[in-house]
Amino acid sequence: MPSRSQAKTATVLGWLVGGGAAVLLNFVLFQIFGEGYPVAPTSFGLFVAGAFGGMWLADRLGARAVRVLGIATGVLLGLALVVVVMISGSR
């Protein structure tokens, strides 16, 4: 059973991982479907769904959540950095 502060940390990391992964997924979908893709509503919807999914995952992982979601946060931030660098370099 995780402590109260670990549970809070896991919840925050779940929001970051889930929401961030959903926004990256939305970016990939925009790249696939092009200019006609409705970015604003899908970004909001996917972020909210991803954030709650990440929070659910944090609850399911229990005491392991901080370690697992911490690693996932680092990987996700690395992927986001790669996307930003790729976009900046293509202009």
PDB file of N, CA and C in Angstrom:
ATOM      1  N   MET A   1       0.849  -1.189   0.000  1.00  0.00           N
ATOM      2  CA  MET A   1       0.000   0.000   0.000  1.00  0.00           C
ATOM      3  C   MET A   1       0.889   1.245   0.000  1.00  0.00           C
ATOM      4  N   PRO A   2       0.747   2.091  -1.040  1.00  0.00           N
ATOM      5  CA  PRO A   2       1.588   3.291  -1.100  1.00  0.00           C
ATOM      6  C   PRO A   2       1.173   4.320  -0.056  1.00  0.00           C
ATOM      7  N   SER A   3       2.140   5.132   0.347  1.00  0.00           N
ATOM      8  CA  SER A   3       1.826   6.203   1.289  1.00  0.00           C
ATOM      9  C   SER A   3       0.980   7.265   0.576  1.00  0.00           C
ATOM     10  N   ARG A   4       0.469   8.192   1.355  1.00  0.00           N
ATOM     11  CA  ARG A   4      -0.399   9.226   0.792  1.00  0.00           C
ATOM     12  C   ARG A   4       0.356  10.091  -0.221  1.00  0.00           C
ATOM     13  N   SER A   5       1.610  10.439   0.091  1.00  0.00           N
ATOM     14  CA  SER A   5       2.365  11.280  -0.844  1.00  0.00           C
ATOM     15  C   SER A   5       2.745  10.500  -2.101  1.00  0.00           C
ATOM     16  N   GLN A   6       3.025   9.212  -1.980  1.00  0.00           N
ATOM     17  CA  GLN A   6       3.306   8.403  -3.161  1.00  0.00           C
ATOM     18  C   GLN A   6       2.066   8.291  -4.041  1.00  0.00           C
ATOM     19  N   ALA A   7       0.908   8.152  -3.412  1.00  0.00           N
ATOM     20  CA  ALA A   7      -0.333   8.057  -4.184  1.00  0.00           C
ATOM     21  C   ALA A   7      -0.601   9.354  -4.940  1.00  0.00           C
ATOM     22  N   LYS A   8      -0.346  10.495  -4.289  1.00  0.00           N
ATOM     23  CA  LYS A   8      -0.536  11.778  -4.963  1.00  0.00           C
ATOM     24  C   LYS A   8       0.454  11.944  -6.113  1.00  0.00           C
ATOM     25  N   THR A   9       1.697  11.567  -5.875  1.00  0.00           N
ATOM     26  CA  THR A   9       2.714  11.658  -6.920  1.00  0.00           C
ATOM     27  C   THR A   9       2.349  10.762  -8.092  1.00  0.00           C
ATOM     28  N   ALA A  10       1.883   9.553  -7.800  1.00  0.00           N
ATOM     29  CA  ALA A  10       1.483   8.626  -8.856  1.00  0.00           C
ATOM     30  C   ALA A  10       0.321   9.188  -9.664  1.00  0.00           C
ATOM     31  N   THR A  11      -0.611   9.835  -9.001  1.00  0.00           N
ATOM     32  CA  THR A  11      -1.746  10.424  -9.696  1.00  0.00           C
ATOM     33  C   THR A  11      -1.288  11.534 -10.650  1.00  0.00           C
ATOM     34  N   VAL A  12      -0.391  12.387 -10.173  1.00  0.00           N
ATOM     35  CA  VAL A  12       0.124  13.469 -11.025  1.00  0.00           C
ATOM     36  C   VAL A  12       0.888  12.890 -12.212  1.00  0.00           C
ATOM     37  N   LEU A  13       1.726  11.902 -11.955  1.00  0.00           N
ATOM     38  CA  LEU A  13       2.470  11.279 -13.053  1.00  0.00           C
ATOM     39  C   LEU A  13       1.519  10.587 -14.033  1.00  0.00           C
ATOM     40  N   GLY A  14       0.448  10.000 -13.519  1.00  0.00           N
ATOM     41  CA  GLY A  14      -0.547   9.383 -14.390  1.00  0.00           C
ATOM     42  C   GLY A  14      -1.197  10.399 -15.307  1.00  0.00           C
ATOM     43  N   TRP A  15      -1.533  11.564 -14.763  1.00  0.00           N
ATOM     44  CA  TRP A  15      -2.102  12.631 -15.579  1.00  0.00           C
ATOM     45  C   TRP A  15      -1.109  13.069 -16.651  1.00  0.00           C
ATOM     46  N   LEU A  16       0.151  13.243 -16.268  1.00  0.00           N
ATOM     47  CA  LEU A  16       1.166  13.671 -17.235  1.00  0.00           C
ATOM     48  C   LEU A  16       1.367  12.644 -18.340  1.00  0.00           C
ATOM     49  N   VAL A  17       1.517  11.399 -17.951  1.00  0.00           N
ATOM     50  CA  VAL A  17       1.771  10.351 -18.938  1.00  0.00           C
ATOM     51  C   VAL A  17       0.556  10.148 -19.838  1.00  0.00           C
ATOM     52  N   GLY A  18      -0.610   9.998 -19.259  1.00  0.00           N
ATOM     53  CA  GLY A  18      -1.806   9.757 -20.051  1.00  0.00           C
ATOM     54  C   GLY A  18      -2.150  10.917 -20.959  1.00  0.00           C
ATOM     55  N   GLY A  19      -2.151  12.118 -20.407  1.00  0.00           N
ATOM     56  CA  GLY A  19      -2.479  13.301 -21.210  1.00  0.00           C
ATOM     57  C   GLY A  19      -1.433  13.580 -22.268  1.00  0.00           C
ATOM     58  N   GLY A  20      -0.166  13.448 -21.899  1.00  0.00           N
ATOM     59  CA  GLY A  20       0.910  13.680 -22.864  1.00  0.00           C
ATOM     60  C   GLY A  20       0.905  12.673 -23.999  1.00  0.00           C
ATOM     61  N   ALA A  21       0.690  11.415 -23.666  1.00  0.00           N
ATOM     62  CA  ALA A  21       0.634  10.377 -24.703  1.00  0.00           C
ATOM     63  C   ALA A  21      -0.543  10.616 -25.641  1.00  0.00           C
ATOM     64  N   ALA A  22      -1.661  11.062 -25.087  1.00  0.00           N
ATOM     65  CA  ALA A  22      -2.830  11.328 -25.920  1.00  0.00           C
ATOM     66  C   ALA A  22      -2.590  12.509 -26.855  1.00  0.00           C
ATOM     67  N   VAL A  23      -1.918  13.547 -26.372  1.00  0.00           N
ATOM     68  CA  VAL A  23      -1.625  14.704 -27.225  1.00  0.00           C
ATOM     69  C   VAL A  23      -0.635  14.312 -28.327  1.00  0.00           C
ATOM     70  N   LEU A  24       0.365  13.496 -27.984  1.00  0.00           N
ATOM     71  CA  LEU A  24       1.284  13.014 -29.029  1.00  0.00           C
ATOM     72  C   LEU A  24       0.552  12.155 -30.052  1.00  0.00           C
ATOM     73  N   LEU A  25      -0.361  11.322 -29.586  1.00  0.00           N
ATOM     74  CA  LEU A  25      -1.171  10.521 -30.507  1.00  0.00           C
ATOM     75  C   LEU A  25      -1.991  11.423 -31.421  1.00  0.00           C
ATOM     76  N   ASN A  26      -2.546  12.483 -30.867  1.00  0.00           N
ATOM     77  CA  ASN A  26      -3.332  13.415 -31.667  1.00  0.00           C
ATOM     78  C   ASN A  26      -2.455  14.097 -32.718  1.00  0.00           C
ATOM     79  N   PHE A  27      -1.223  14.405 -32.370  1.00  0.00           N
ATOM     80  CA  PHE A  27      -0.294  15.002 -33.341  1.00  0.00           C
ATOM     81  C   PHE A  27      -0.015  14.027 -34.485  1.00  0.00           C
ATOM     82  N   VAL A  28       0.187  12.767 -34.150  1.00  0.00           N
ATOM     83  CA  VAL A  28       0.423  11.746 -35.179  1.00  0.00           C
ATOM     84  C   VAL A  28      -0.803  11.622 -36.085  1.00  0.00           C
ATOM     85  N   LEU A  29      -1.980  11.619 -35.488  1.00  0.00           N
ATOM     86  CA  LEU A  29      -3.205  11.545 -36.294  1.00  0.00           C
ATOM     87  C   LEU A  29      -3.339  12.760 -37.213  1.00  0.00           C
ATOM     88  N   PHE A  30      -2.974  13.928 -36.701  1.00  0.00           N
ATOM     89  CA  PHE A  30      -3.002  15.137 -37.538  1.00  0.00           C
ATOM     90  C   PHE A  30      -2.028  15.000 -38.704  1.00  0.00           C
ATOM     91  N   GLN A  31      -0.855  14.455 -38.459  1.00  0.00           N
ATOM     92  CA  GLN A  31       0.124  14.269 -39.534  1.00  0.00           C
ATOM     93  C   GLN A  31      -0.374  13.267 -40.575  1.00  0.00           C
ATOM     94  N   ILE A  32      -1.119  12.263 -40.128  1.00  0.00           N
ATOM     95  CA  ILE A  32      -1.634  11.245 -41.041  1.00  0.00           C
ATOM     96  C   ILE A  32      -2.789  11.795 -41.882  1.00  0.00           C
ATOM     97  N   PHE A  33      -3.755  12.453 -41.226  1.00  0.00           N
ATOM     98  CA  PHE A  33      -4.971  12.882 -41.918  1.00  0.00           C
ATOM     99  C   PHE A  33      -4.874  14.264 -42.556  1.00  0.00           C
ATOM    100  N   GLY A  34      -3.920  15.073 -42.144  1.00  0.00           N
ATOM    101  CA  GLY A  34      -3.698  16.359 -42.796  1.00  0.00           C
ATOM    102  C   GLY A  34      -4.527  17.501 -42.246  1.00  0.00           C
ATOM    103  N   GLU A  35      -4.626  18.545 -43.030  1.00  0.00           N
ATOM    104  CA  GLU A  35      -5.236  19.805 -42.605  1.00  0.00           C
ATOM    105  C   GLU A  35      -6.720  19.698 -42.255  1.00  0.00           C
ATOM    106  N   GLY A  36      -7.421  18.723 -42.774  1.00  0.00           N
ATOM    107  CA  GLY A  36      -8.845  18.587 -42.493  1.00  0.00           C
ATOM    108  C   GLY A  36      -9.149  17.964 -41.138  1.00  0.00           C
ATOM    109  N   TYR A  37      -8.122  17.540 -40.423  1.00  0.00           N
ATOM    110  CA  TYR A  37      -8.314  16.875 -39.122  1.00  0.00           C
ATOM    111  C   TYR A  37      -8.684  17.912 -38.066  1.00  0.00           C
ATOM    112  N   PRO A  38      -9.750  17.691 -37.308  1.00  0.00           N
ATOM    113  CA  PRO A  38     -10.179  18.665 -36.291  1.00  0.00           C
ATOM    114  C   PRO A  38      -9.288  18.598 -35.043  1.00  0.00           C
ATOM    115  N   VAL A  39      -8.257  19.399 -34.999  1.00  0.00           N
ATOM    116  CA  VAL A  39      -7.239  19.301 -33.960  1.00  0.00           C
ATOM    117  C   VAL A  39      -7.755  19.733 -32.589  1.00  0.00           C
ATOM    118  N   ALA A  40      -8.433  20.863 -32.501  1.00  0.00           N
ATOM    119  CA  ALA A  40      -8.820  21.404 -31.197  1.00  0.00           C
ATOM    120  C   ALA A  40      -9.752  20.472 -30.410  1.00  0.00           C
ATOM    121  N   PRO A  41     -10.863  20.023 -30.977  1.00  0.00           N
ATOM    122  CA  PRO A  41     -11.741  19.167 -30.167  1.00  0.00           C
ATOM    123  C   PRO A  41     -11.125  17.812 -29.853  1.00  0.00           C
ATOM    124  N   THR A  42     -10.361  17.265 -30.798  1.00  0.00           N
ATOM    125  CA  THR A  42      -9.761  15.960 -30.525  1.00  0.00           C
ATOM    126  C   THR A  42      -8.624  16.079 -29.520  1.00  0.00           C
ATOM    127  N   SER A  43      -7.892  17.187 -29.526  1.00  0.00           N
ATOM    128  CA  SER A  43      -6.837  17.394 -28.530  1.00  0.00           C
ATOM    129  C   SER A  43      -7.445  17.411 -27.133  1.00  0.00           C
ATOM    130  N   PHE A  44      -8.525  18.165 -26.977  1.00  0.00           N
ATOM    131  CA  PHE A  44      -9.168  18.248 -25.666  1.00  0.00           C
ATOM    132  C   PHE A  44      -9.710  16.889 -25.234  1.00  0.00           C
ATOM    133  N   GLY A  45     -10.446  16.250 -26.122  1.00  0.00           N
ATOM    134  CA  GLY A  45     -11.048  14.961 -25.774  1.00  0.00           C
ATOM    135  C   GLY A  45     -10.019  13.886 -25.469  1.00  0.00           C
ATOM    136  N   LEU A  46      -8.999  13.808 -26.297  1.00  0.00           N
ATOM    137  CA  LEU A  46      -7.962  12.798 -26.059  1.00  0.00           C
ATOM    138  C   LEU A  46      -7.155  13.108 -24.806  1.00  0.00           C
ATOM    139  N   PHE A  47      -6.878  14.396 -24.540  1.00  0.00           N
ATOM    140  CA  PHE A  47      -6.135  14.725 -23.327  1.00  0.00           C
ATOM    141  C   PHE A  47      -6.911  14.318 -22.080  1.00  0.00           C
ATOM    142  N   VAL A  48      -8.187  14.644 -22.046  1.00  0.00           N
ATOM    143  CA  VAL A  48      -9.001  14.290 -20.876  1.00  0.00           C
ATOM    144  C   VAL A  48      -9.093  12.769 -20.719  1.00  0.00           C
ATOM    145  N   ALA A  49      -9.340  12.068 -21.824  1.00  0.00           N
ATOM    146  CA  ALA A  49      -9.407  10.601 -21.749  1.00  0.00           C
ATOM    147  C   ALA A  49      -8.065  10.011 -21.319  1.00  0.00           C
ATOM    148  N   GLY A  50      -6.969  10.531 -21.878  1.00  0.00           N
ATOM    149  CA  GLY A  50      -5.649  10.030 -21.507  1.00  0.00           C
ATOM    150  C   GLY A  50      -5.302  10.327 -20.063  1.00  0.00           C
ATOM    151  N   ALA A  51      -5.654  11.512 -19.588  1.00  0.00           N
ATOM    152  CA  ALA A  51      -5.357  11.864 -18.204  1.00  0.00           C
ATOM    153  C   ALA A  51      -6.111  10.958 -17.234  1.00  0.00           C
ATOM    154  N   PHE A  52      -7.370  10.718 -17.505  1.00  0.00           N
ATOM    155  CA  PHE A  52      -8.113   9.823 -16.622  1.00  0.00           C
ATOM    156  C   PHE A  52      -7.648   8.380 -16.753  1.00  0.00           C
ATOM    157  N   GLY A  53      -7.211   7.997 -17.962  1.00  0.00           N
ATOM    158  CA  GLY A  53      -6.628   6.670 -18.133  1.00  0.00           C
ATOM    159  C   GLY A  53      -5.337   6.519 -17.349  1.00  0.00           C
ATOM    160  N   GLY A  54      -4.508   7.550 -17.355  1.00  0.00           N
ATOM    161  CA  GLY A  54      -3.270   7.531 -16.580  1.00  0.00           C
ATOM    162  C   GLY A  54      -3.531   7.486 -15.090  1.00  0.00           C
ATOM    163  N   MET A  55      -4.556   8.195 -14.659  1.00  0.00           N
ATOM    164  CA  MET A  55      -4.929   8.171 -13.244  1.00  0.00           C
ATOM    165  C   MET A  55      -5.432   6.785 -12.852  1.00  0.00           C
ATOM    166  N   TRP A  56      -6.197   6.158 -13.728  1.00  0.00           N
ATOM    167  CA  TRP A  56      -6.667   4.795 -13.478  1.00  0.00           C
ATOM    168  C   TRP A  56      -5.478   3.844 -13.389  1.00  0.00           C
ATOM    169  N   LEU A  57      -4.516   4.004 -14.290  1.00  0.00           N
ATOM    170  CA  LEU A  57      -3.330   3.158 -14.278  1.00  0.00           C
ATOM    171  C   LEU A  57      -2.530   3.344 -12.991  1.00  0.00           C
ATOM    172  N   ALA A  58      -2.429   4.575 -12.523  1.00  0.00           N
ATOM    173  CA  ALA A  58      -1.721   4.841 -11.264  1.00  0.00           C
ATOM    174  C   ALA A  58      -2.389   4.103 -10.112  1.00  0.00           C
ATOM    175  N   ASP A  59      -3.705   4.073 -10.090  1.00  0.00           N
ATOM    176  CA  ASP A  59      -4.419   3.338  -9.046  1.00  0.00           C
ATOM    177  C   ASP A  59      -4.187   1.842  -9.161  1.00  0.00           C
ATOM    178  N   ARG A  60      -4.175   1.331 -10.381  1.00  0.00           N
ATOM    179  CA  ARG A  60      -3.999  -0.114 -10.594  1.00  0.00           C
ATOM    180  C   ARG A  60      -2.589  -0.583 -10.245  1.00  0.00           C
ATOM    181  N   LEU A  61      -1.589   0.266 -10.486  1.00  0.00           N
ATOM    182  CA  LEU A  61      -0.207  -0.140 -10.236  1.00  0.00           C
ATOM    183  C   LEU A  61       0.145  -0.167  -8.754  1.00  0.00           C
ATOM    184  N   GLY A  62      -0.576   0.587  -7.956  1.00  0.00           N
ATOM    185  CA  GLY A  62      -0.340   0.577  -6.509  1.00  0.00           C
ATOM    186  C   GLY A  62       1.023   1.145  -6.145  1.00  0.00           C
ATOM    187  N   ALA A  63       1.787   0.378  -5.368  1.00  0.00           N
ATOM    188  CA  ALA A  63       3.075   0.846  -4.863  1.00  0.00           C
ATOM    189  C   ALA A  63       4.115   1.004  -5.970  1.00  0.00           C
ATOM    190  N   ARG A  64       3.961   0.313  -7.082  1.00  0.00           N
ATOM    191  CA  ARG A  64       4.918   0.404  -8.198  1.00  0.00           C
ATOM    192  C   ARG A  64       4.672   1.611  -9.089  1.00  0.00           C
ATOM    193  N   ALA A  65       3.584   2.321  -8.867  1.00  0.00           N
ATOM    194  CA  ALA A  65       3.147   3.369  -9.797  1.00  0.00           C
ATOM    195  C   ALA A  65       4.167   4.482  -9.966  1.00  0.00           C
ATOM    196  N   VAL A  66       4.775   4.948  -8.881  1.00  0.00           N
ATOM    197  CA  VAL A  66       5.707   6.069  -8.989  1.00  0.00           C
ATOM    198  C   VAL A  66       6.899   5.686  -9.856  1.00  0.00           C
ATOM    199  N   ARG A  67       7.442   4.502  -9.655  1.00  0.00           N
ATOM    200  CA  ARG A  67       8.600   4.065 -10.440  1.00  0.00           C
ATOM    201  C   ARG A  67       8.229   3.895 -11.915  1.00  0.00           C
ATOM    202  N   VAL A  68       7.155   3.177 -12.175  1.00  0.00           N
ATOM    203  CA  VAL A  68       6.758   2.889 -13.559  1.00  0.00           C
ATOM    204  C   VAL A  68       6.347   4.167 -14.288  1.00  0.00           C
ATOM    205  N   LEU A  69       5.517   4.971 -13.663  1.00  0.00           N
ATOM    206  CA  LEU A  69       5.052   6.191 -14.318  1.00  0.00           C
ATOM    207  C   LEU A  69       6.149   7.248 -14.393  1.00  0.00           C
ATOM    208  N   GLY A  70       7.101   7.227 -13.472  1.00  0.00           N
ATOM    209  CA  GLY A  70       8.248   8.133 -13.553  1.00  0.00           C
ATOM    210  C   GLY A  70       9.090   7.836 -14.773  1.00  0.00           C
ATOM    211  N   ILE A  71       9.339   6.561 -15.021  1.00  0.00           N
ATOM    212  CA  ILE A  71      10.082   6.164 -16.220  1.00  0.00           C
ATOM    213  C   ILE A  71       9.294   6.522 -17.469  1.00  0.00           C
ATOM    214  N   ALA A  72       8.006   6.240 -17.450  1.00  0.00           N
ATOM    215  CA  ALA A  72       7.159   6.560 -18.609  1.00  0.00           C
ATOM    216  C   ALA A  72       7.127   8.066 -18.874  1.00  0.00           C
ATOM    217  N   THR A  73       7.136   8.874 -17.821  1.00  0.00           N
ATOM    218  CA  THR A  73       7.164  10.327 -17.988  1.00  0.00           C
ATOM    219  C   THR A  73       8.450  10.766 -18.675  1.00  0.00           C
ATOM    220  N   GLY A  74       9.574  10.206 -18.266  1.00  0.00           N
ATOM    221  CA  GLY A  74      10.844  10.528 -18.897  1.00  0.00           C
ATOM    222  C   GLY A  74      10.871  10.147 -20.368  1.00  0.00           C
ATOM    223  N   VAL A  75      10.375   8.964 -20.678  1.00  0.00           N
ATOM    224  CA  VAL A  75      10.325   8.519 -22.073  1.00  0.00           C
ATOM    225  C   VAL A  75       9.411   9.431 -22.887  1.00  0.00           C
ATOM    226  N   LEU A  76       8.273   9.773 -22.329  1.00  0.00           N
ATOM    227  CA  LEU A  76       7.324  10.635 -23.031  1.00  0.00           C
ATOM    228  C   LEU A  76       7.891  12.031 -23.271  1.00  0.00           C
ATOM    229  N   LEU A  77       8.571  12.587 -22.278  1.00  0.00           N
ATOM    230  CA  LEU A  77       9.195  13.896 -22.464  1.00  0.00           C
ATOM    231  C   LEU A  77      10.294  13.831 -23.521  1.00  0.00           C
ATOM    232  N   GLY A  78      11.028  12.729 -23.565  1.00  0.00           N
ATOM    233  CA  GLY A  78      12.030  12.544 -24.609  1.00  0.00           C
ATOM    234  C   GLY A  78      11.404  12.493 -25.989  1.00  0.00           C
ATOM    235  N   LEU A  79      10.294  11.766 -26.120  1.00  0.00           N
ATOM    236  CA  LEU A  79       9.590  11.715 -27.403  1.00  0.00           C
ATOM    237  C   LEU A  79       9.066  13.090 -27.805  1.00  0.00           C
ATOM    238  N   ALA A  80       8.529  13.825 -26.843  1.00  0.00           N
ATOM    239  CA  ALA A  80       8.028  15.163 -27.132  1.00  0.00           C
ATOM    240  C   ALA A  80       9.165  16.068 -27.596  1.00  0.00           C
ATOM    241  N   LEU A  81      10.335  15.935 -26.981  1.00  0.00           N
ATOM    242  CA  LEU A  81      11.490  16.728 -27.391  1.00  0.00           C
ATOM    243  C   LEU A  81      11.917  16.385 -28.815  1.00  0.00           C
ATOM    244  N   VAL A  82      11.893  15.113 -29.153  1.00  0.00           N
ATOM    245  CA  VAL A  82      12.232  14.687 -30.510  1.00  0.00           C
ATOM    246  C   VAL A  82      11.251  15.283 -31.516  1.00  0.00           C
ATOM    247  N   VAL A  83       9.969  15.289 -31.183  1.00  0.00           N
ATOM    248  CA  VAL A  83       8.963  15.869 -32.079  1.00  0.00           C
ATOM    249  C   VAL A  83       9.200  17.360 -32.260  1.00  0.00           C
ATOM    250  N   VAL A  84       9.495  18.066 -31.191  1.00  0.00           N
ATOM    251  CA  VAL A  84       9.740  19.508 -31.280  1.00  0.00           C
ATOM    252  C   VAL A  84      10.970  19.790 -32.130  1.00  0.00           C
ATOM    253  N   VAL A  85      12.020  19.008 -31.925  1.00  0.00           N
ATOM    254  CA  VAL A  85      13.243  19.210 -32.714  1.00  0.00           C
ATOM    255  C   VAL A  85      12.977  18.911 -34.175  1.00  0.00           C
ATOM    256  N   MET A  86      12.213  17.861 -34.463  1.00  0.00           N
ATOM    257  CA  MET A  86      11.899  17.530 -35.849  1.00  0.00           C
ATOM    258  C   MET A  86      11.074  18.619 -36.515  1.00  0.00           C
ATOM    259  N   ILE A  87      10.108  19.168 -35.795  1.00  0.00           N
ATOM    260  CA  ILE A  87       9.294  20.244 -36.353  1.00  0.00           C
ATOM    261  C   ILE A  87      10.133  21.494 -36.574  1.00  0.00           C
ATOM    262  N   SER A  88      10.985  21.830 -35.620  1.00  0.00           N
ATOM    263  CA  SER A  88      11.830  23.016 -35.745  1.00  0.00           C
ATOM    264  C   SER A  88      12.827  22.874 -36.887  1.00  0.00           C
ATOM    265  N   GLY A  89      13.338  21.683 -37.079  1.00  0.00           N
ATOM    266  CA  GLY A  89      14.328  21.469 -38.130  1.00  0.00           C
ATOM    267  C   GLY A  89      13.747  21.428 -39.520  1.00  0.00           C
ATOM    268  N   SER A  90      12.455  21.176 -39.638  1.00  0.00           N
ATOM    269  CA  SER A  90      11.847  21.045 -40.956  1.00  0.00           C
ATOM    270  C   SER A  90      11.438  22.379 -41.559  1.00  0.00           C
ATOM    271  N   ARG A  91      11.554  23.457 -40.810  1.00  0.00           N
ATOM    272  CA  ARG A  91      11.127  24.771 -41.324  1.00  0.00           C
ATOM    273  C   ARG A  91      12.275  25.592 -41.792  1.00  0.00           C
TER     274      ARG A  91
END
